[in-house]
Amino acid sequence: MLGCSSMRLAPLLLCAAAAAAVPPAAAQALPDLDVPFVTTPDHVVDAMLALAGVTARDFVLDLGSGDGRIVITAALKSGARGMGVEIDPALVKLSNENARKAGVADRARFVEQDLFATDLAPASVITMYLLPDVNLKLRPELLKLRPGTRIVSHDWDMGDWQPDAKVVLDVPDKKLGLDKKSTLLLWKIPAVVEGGWASGKRLRLNLRQRYQMLEGEVLYRGQTYPAASGRVDGTRVQLCFAQHDTGRCRLGALGRLVGSELQLLVDGAGRQQVTVITRRNGGR
């Protein structure tokens, strides 16, 4: 659902402006809020949950949950638990009734609450169909979440934070926009690995991080690689040790952040793989 009903006054005005282009027959007027909501088609819901890789181990938090179909579908098809946050009491009541009818009320619940007052920390997956300004306002809080938490947004991006994956679907009966398509965007919250790392004199890293992207300098076995680059996928780290900014890797490294340790497997042509455990030496 386009989650206009889950925001307070200023964002509601933005939603009202966006909704003005929606034909009256295409939207359902909420009884107490002069703001329509637009449902997310079932195949788009399925694709959002598939993109996030939702399983029975997940807790799905839907921000602006409308009639509850995302959380209910996650419970029905994947056995996940979840909660929907919605500010309109009529929709909250409808969602809880829908969960009971579907037999998943023990795993799917809905609360009347402002999304900006919601504790995001319990979620392993967050879904949303909000507006760009709202996404940007949420972004700082999202980046504080547990590394590996998955965020799926319907149509709207996160500004200069590039998604980890994107899916475009045909939606012939879509009520918003002209191209009759939905874009689904996935982000995984990256661990913070920025800073200096060292394992004696054998391996030293000085990494700079912007969202999931890394760059910096590496000293490995006496050789300097001043144009290292890489990315963070949850707690997993991938690095390319390059001597120039051509992007050509002389060595590669894969690893994982485990507590305060960065455990890397360094590999290069003609070299035996060597497991290296480095400890944080500065950084944030």
Protein backbone atom coordinates (compact mmCIF):
# COMPACT_ATOMS: atom_id res chain seq x y z
CA MET A 1 0.00 0.00 0.00
CA LEU A 2 1.08 3.58 -0.58
CA GLY A 3 1.63 4.38 3.06
CA CYS A 4 0.25 7.90 3.17
CA SER A 5 -1.92 7.10 6.15
CA SER A 6 1.04 6.27 8.36
CA MET A 7 2.52 9.78 8.59
CA ARG A 8 1.81 12.94 10.51
CA LEU A 9 0.76 16.32 9.14
CA ALA A 10 3.66 17.48 6.94
CA PRO A 11 4.14 14.13 5.16
CA LEU A 12 0.37 13.79 4.88
CA LEU A 13 0.27 17.01 2.87
CA LEU A 14 2.91 15.54 0.55
CA CYS A 15 0.81 12.42 0.16
CA ALA A 16 -2.30 14.45 -0.52
CA ALA A 17 -0.49 16.25 -3.33
CA ALA A 18 0.72 12.96 -4.81
CA ALA A 19 -2.73 11.42 -4.53
CA ALA A 20 -4.39 14.29 -6.36
CA ALA A 21 -3.51 12.62 -9.66
CA VAL A 22 -5.30 9.40 -8.68
CA PRO A 23 -8.78 9.08 -10.18
CA PRO A 24 -11.49 8.90 -7.46
CA ALA A 25 -12.44 5.39 -8.50
CA ALA A 26 -8.85 4.26 -8.12
CA ALA A 27 -8.51 5.11 -4.46
CA GLN A 28 -10.38 4.37 -1.28
CA ALA A 29 -11.07 7.43 0.86
CA LEU A 30 -10.25 6.96 4.50
CA PRO A 31 -13.09 7.96 6.83
CA ASP A 32 -11.17 10.35 9.12
CA LEU A 33 -8.30 11.41 6.87
CA ASP A 34 -8.87 13.12 3.55
CA VAL A 35 -6.04 11.07 2.05
CA PRO A 36 -6.53 8.02 -0.19
CA PHE A 37 -4.49 4.86 0.01
CA VAL A 38 -3.60 2.69 -2.96
CA THR A 39 -3.29 -1.06 -2.54
CA THR A 40 -0.23 -2.99 -3.66
CA PRO A 41 -1.16 -5.74 -6.17
CA ASP A 42 -0.66 -9.28 -4.91
CA HIS A 43 2.07 -10.14 -7.42
CA VAL A 44 4.01 -7.05 -6.33
CA VAL A 45 3.64 -8.12 -2.68
CA ASP A 46 4.98 -11.57 -3.59
CA ALA A 47 7.91 -10.02 -5.46
CA MET A 48 8.77 -7.71 -2.53
CA LEU A 49 8.91 -10.64 -0.13
CA ALA A 50 10.91 -12.73 -2.61
CA LEU A 51 13.40 -9.90 -3.14
CA ALA A 52 13.93 -9.72 0.63
CA GLY A 53 14.27 -13.51 0.83
CA VAL A 54 11.69 -13.75 3.62
CA THR A 55 11.66 -17.03 5.56
CA ALA A 56 10.06 -18.36 8.72
CA ARG A 57 12.99 -16.94 10.70
CA ASP A 58 12.13 -13.35 9.79
CA PHE A 59 10.20 -10.60 11.50
CA VAL A 60 8.64 -8.39 8.82
CA LEU A 61 7.78 -4.79 9.68
CA ASP A 62 5.55 -3.00 7.17
CA LEU A 63 5.56 0.79 7.48
CA GLY A 64 2.23 2.14 6.27
CA SER A 65 0.55 -1.26 6.20
CA GLY A 66 -2.86 -0.32 4.75
CA ASP A 67 -5.07 -3.42 4.65
CA GLY A 68 -2.26 -5.62 6.01
CA ARG A 69 -1.64 -7.79 2.96
CA ILE A 70 2.18 -7.70 3.05
CA VAL A 71 2.54 -8.96 6.62
CA ILE A 72 -0.33 -11.43 6.20
CA THR A 73 1.18 -12.82 2.99
CA ALA A 74 4.58 -13.18 4.68
CA ALA A 75 2.93 -15.15 7.50
CA LEU A 76 0.86 -17.32 5.16
CA LYS A 77 3.48 -18.15 2.55
CA SER A 78 6.72 -18.09 4.55
CA GLY A 79 5.64 -18.64 8.14
CA ALA A 80 7.25 -15.34 9.11
CA ARG A 81 6.13 -13.20 12.01
CA GLY A 82 5.43 -9.54 11.48
CA MET A 83 3.76 -6.29 12.38
CA GLY A 84 2.14 -3.56 10.35
CA VAL A 85 2.23 0.08 11.41
CA GLU A 86 -0.69 2.22 10.27
CA ILE A 87 -2.08 5.49 11.59
CA ASP A 88 -5.69 5.03 10.44
CA PRO A 89 -7.67 3.07 13.04
CA ALA A 90 -10.16 1.74 10.48
CA LEU A 91 -7.35 0.14 8.48
CA VAL A 92 -5.74 -1.25 11.62
CA LYS A 93 -9.03 -2.88 12.58
CA LEU A 94 -9.49 -4.23 9.04
CA SER A 95 -5.95 -5.63 8.97
CA ASN A 96 -6.31 -7.46 12.27
CA GLU A 97 -9.63 -8.90 11.05
CA ASN A 98 -7.97 -10.01 7.82
CA ALA A 99 -5.20 -11.71 9.82
CA ARG A 100 -7.77 -13.57 11.91
CA LYS A 101 -9.68 -14.68 8.82
CA ALA A 102 -6.43 -15.90 7.25
CA GLY A 103 -5.58 -17.86 10.42
CA VAL A 104 -2.34 -15.99 11.07
CA ALA A 105 -3.34 -13.62 13.88
CA ASP A 106 -0.73 -15.30 16.09
CA ARG A 107 2.03 -14.23 13.66
CA ALA A 108 0.67 -11.03 12.09
CA ARG A 109 -0.53 -8.06 14.09
CA PHE A 110 -1.25 -4.44 13.30
CA VAL A 111 -0.96 -1.35 15.45
CA GLU A 112 -2.16 2.23 15.17
CA GLN A 113 1.06 4.18 15.36
CA ASP A 114 3.14 6.90 13.73
CA LEU A 115 5.92 5.19 11.78
CA PHE A 116 8.45 7.73 13.06
CA ALA A 117 7.64 6.64 16.62
CA THR A 118 8.09 2.95 15.77
CA ASP A 119 10.95 0.84 17.13
CA LEU A 120 12.56 -0.58 13.99
CA ALA A 121 15.16 -2.70 15.79
CA PRO A 122 13.15 -5.99 16.06
CA ALA A 123 12.74 -6.23 12.28
CA SER A 124 14.89 -8.39 10.05
CA VAL A 125 12.89 -7.17 7.02
CA ILE A 126 11.26 -3.76 6.57
CA THR A 127 8.84 -3.11 3.71
CA MET A 128 7.47 0.27 2.71
CA TYR A 129 5.61 2.16 0.02
CA LEU A 130 6.30 5.70 1.13
CA LEU A 131 7.32 8.92 -0.60
CA PRO A 132 10.93 9.97 -1.32
CA ASP A 133 11.12 12.65 1.38
CA VAL A 134 9.83 10.18 3.96
CA ASN A 135 12.39 7.57 2.90
CA LEU A 136 15.16 10.13 3.33
CA LYS A 137 13.87 11.08 6.77
CA LEU A 138 13.89 7.38 7.77
CA ARG A 139 17.31 6.68 6.27
CA PRO A 140 19.46 7.66 9.30
CA GLU A 141 17.45 5.35 11.56
CA LEU A 142 17.57 2.52 9.05
CA LEU A 143 21.36 2.72 8.84
CA LYS A 144 21.56 2.17 12.61
CA LEU A 145 19.85 -1.22 12.35
CA ARG A 146 21.50 -4.60 12.74
CA PRO A 147 23.80 -5.38 9.77
CA GLY A 148 22.05 -7.61 7.27
CA THR A 149 18.57 -6.19 7.95
CA ARG A 150 16.81 -6.01 4.57
CA ILE A 151 14.83 -2.99 3.40
CA VAL A 152 12.47 -3.22 0.42
CA SER A 153 10.87 -0.07 -0.97
CA HIS A 154 8.15 0.01 -3.58
CA ASP A 155 8.98 2.64 -6.25
CA TRP A 156 10.89 5.17 -4.16
CA ASP A 157 14.64 5.28 -3.57
CA MET A 158 16.94 6.41 -0.74
CA GLY A 159 18.64 9.32 -2.47
CA ASP A 160 22.37 8.71 -2.96
CA TRP A 161 22.27 5.39 -1.09
CA GLN A 162 22.23 3.04 -4.05
CA PRO A 163 20.20 -0.20 -3.75
CA ASP A 164 21.84 -3.61 -3.62
CA ALA A 165 19.24 -5.01 -6.03
CA LYS A 166 16.36 -3.78 -8.18
CA VAL A 167 13.39 -5.50 -9.81
CA VAL A 168 10.97 -3.90 -12.29
CA LEU A 169 7.53 -5.45 -12.71
CA ASP A 170 4.71 -4.88 -15.16
CA VAL A 171 1.59 -3.68 -13.34
CA PRO A 172 -1.07 -3.10 -16.02
CA ASP A 173 -3.70 -1.85 -13.58
CA LYS A 174 -1.40 0.45 -11.60
CA LYS A 175 -3.21 3.61 -10.55
CA LEU A 176 -0.18 5.84 -9.94
CA GLY A 177 2.16 6.94 -12.73
CA LEU A 178 1.94 6.49 -16.47
CA ASP A 179 4.29 3.61 -17.29
CA LYS A 180 2.28 0.87 -15.54
CA LYS A 181 5.36 -0.56 -13.85
CA SER A 182 6.53 -0.98 -10.27
CA THR A 183 10.17 -0.73 -9.25
CA LEU A 184 11.23 -2.69 -6.16
CA LEU A 185 14.47 -1.69 -4.45
CA LEU A 186 16.44 -3.74 -1.91
CA TRP A 187 19.06 -2.52 0.56
CA LYS A 188 20.94 -4.59 3.14
CA ILE A 189 22.12 -2.65 6.16
CA PRO A 190 25.94 -2.70 5.96
CA ALA A 191 28.23 -3.30 8.91
CA VAL A 192 30.62 -0.44 9.64
CA VAL A 193 34.15 -1.48 8.67
CA GLU A 194 35.54 1.97 8.04
CA GLY A 195 38.87 2.74 9.71
CA GLY A 196 42.29 1.23 10.23
CA TRP A 197 42.82 -2.53 10.56
CA ALA A 198 46.04 -4.47 11.12
CA SER A 199 47.39 -7.98 11.54
CA GLY A 200 50.95 -7.27 12.56
CA LYS A 201 52.96 -6.04 9.60
CA ARG A 202 51.54 -8.64 7.27
CA LEU A 203 48.26 -6.89 6.45
CA ARG A 204 47.13 -3.33 7.07
CA LEU A 205 43.96 -1.73 5.81
CA ASN A 206 42.83 1.88 5.89
CA LEU A 207 39.23 1.89 4.67
CA ARG A 208 36.74 4.64 3.95
CA GLN A 209 33.07 3.70 3.74
CA ARG A 210 30.03 5.33 2.16
CA TYR A 211 26.97 3.22 2.79
CA GLN A 212 27.92 -0.27 1.46
CA MET A 213 30.83 0.92 -0.71
CA LEU A 214 34.48 0.82 0.38
CA GLU A 215 37.70 2.41 -0.82
CA GLY A 216 41.11 2.89 0.72
CA GLU A 217 44.67 1.67 0.93
CA VAL A 218 46.11 -1.78 1.70
CA LEU A 219 49.56 -2.96 2.69
CA TYR A 220 49.89 -6.72 2.22
CA ARG A 221 53.14 -8.73 2.46
CA GLY A 222 55.20 -5.58 1.94
CA GLN A 223 53.28 -4.50 -1.19
CA THR A 224 51.19 -1.32 -1.20
CA TYR A 225 47.83 -1.21 -2.98
CA PRO A 226 46.71 2.46 -2.90
CA ALA A 227 43.48 2.01 -4.86
CA ALA A 228 41.63 -0.69 -2.95
CA SER A 229 37.87 -0.85 -3.31
CA GLY A 230 35.03 -3.10 -2.27
CA ARG A 231 31.61 -3.41 -0.73
CA VAL A 232 29.86 -4.61 2.41
CA ASP A 233 26.90 -7.00 2.24
CA GLY A 234 25.53 -7.17 5.76
CA THR A 235 28.55 -8.42 7.70
CA ARG A 236 30.27 -9.85 4.61
CA VAL A 237 33.13 -7.89 3.05
CA GLN A 238 34.58 -8.08 -0.45
CA LEU A 239 37.76 -6.20 -1.37
CA CYS A 240 39.82 -5.63 -4.49
CA PHE A 241 43.49 -4.77 -3.91
CA ALA A 242 44.52 -2.56 -6.84
CA GLN A 243 47.75 -0.66 -7.36
CA HIS A 244 46.14 1.95 -9.60
CA ASP A 245 42.65 3.36 -10.03
CA THR A 246 42.01 1.20 -13.11
CA GLY A 247 39.90 -1.19 -11.05
CA ARG A 248 42.10 -4.13 -11.99
CA CYS A 249 42.53 -6.37 -8.97
CA ARG A 250 45.98 -7.72 -8.18
CA LEU A 251 44.56 -9.53 -5.16
CA GLY A 252 41.07 -10.13 -3.89
CA ALA A 253 39.74 -10.71 -0.39
CA LEU A 254 36.50 -12.08 0.98
CA GLY A 255 35.56 -12.10 4.61
CA ARG A 256 33.20 -11.27 7.41
CA LEU A 257 33.05 -8.92 10.36
CA VAL A 258 32.80 -11.00 13.53
CA GLY A 259 32.55 -8.82 16.60
CA SER A 260 35.60 -6.57 16.56
CA GLU A 261 37.48 -8.81 14.12
CA LEU A 262 37.55 -8.70 10.36
CA GLN A 263 38.26 -12.19 9.09
CA LEU A 264 39.58 -12.20 5.55
CA LEU A 265 40.56 -14.82 3.00
CA VAL A 266 43.11 -13.24 0.66
CA ASP A 267 43.58 -14.76 -2.79
CA GLY A 268 45.73 -13.86 -5.78
CA ALA A 269 46.86 -15.48 -9.00
CA GLY A 270 49.54 -18.04 -8.28
CA ARG A 271 49.22 -17.62 -4.52
CA GLN A 272 47.82 -20.02 -2.01
CA GLN A 273 44.78 -18.75 -0.17
CA VAL A 274 45.68 -17.45 3.25
CA THR A 275 43.22 -16.83 6.06
CA VAL A 276 44.02 -13.57 7.81
CA ILE A 277 42.30 -12.29 10.95
CA THR A 278 42.71 -8.59 11.47
CA ARG A 279 41.78 -6.53 14.48
CA ARG A 280 40.42 -3.04 14.42
CA ASN A 281 43.13 -0.43 14.87
CA GLY A 282 41.29 2.86 15.05
CA GLY A 283 38.32 3.82 12.92
CA ARG A 284 34.78 4.31 14.11
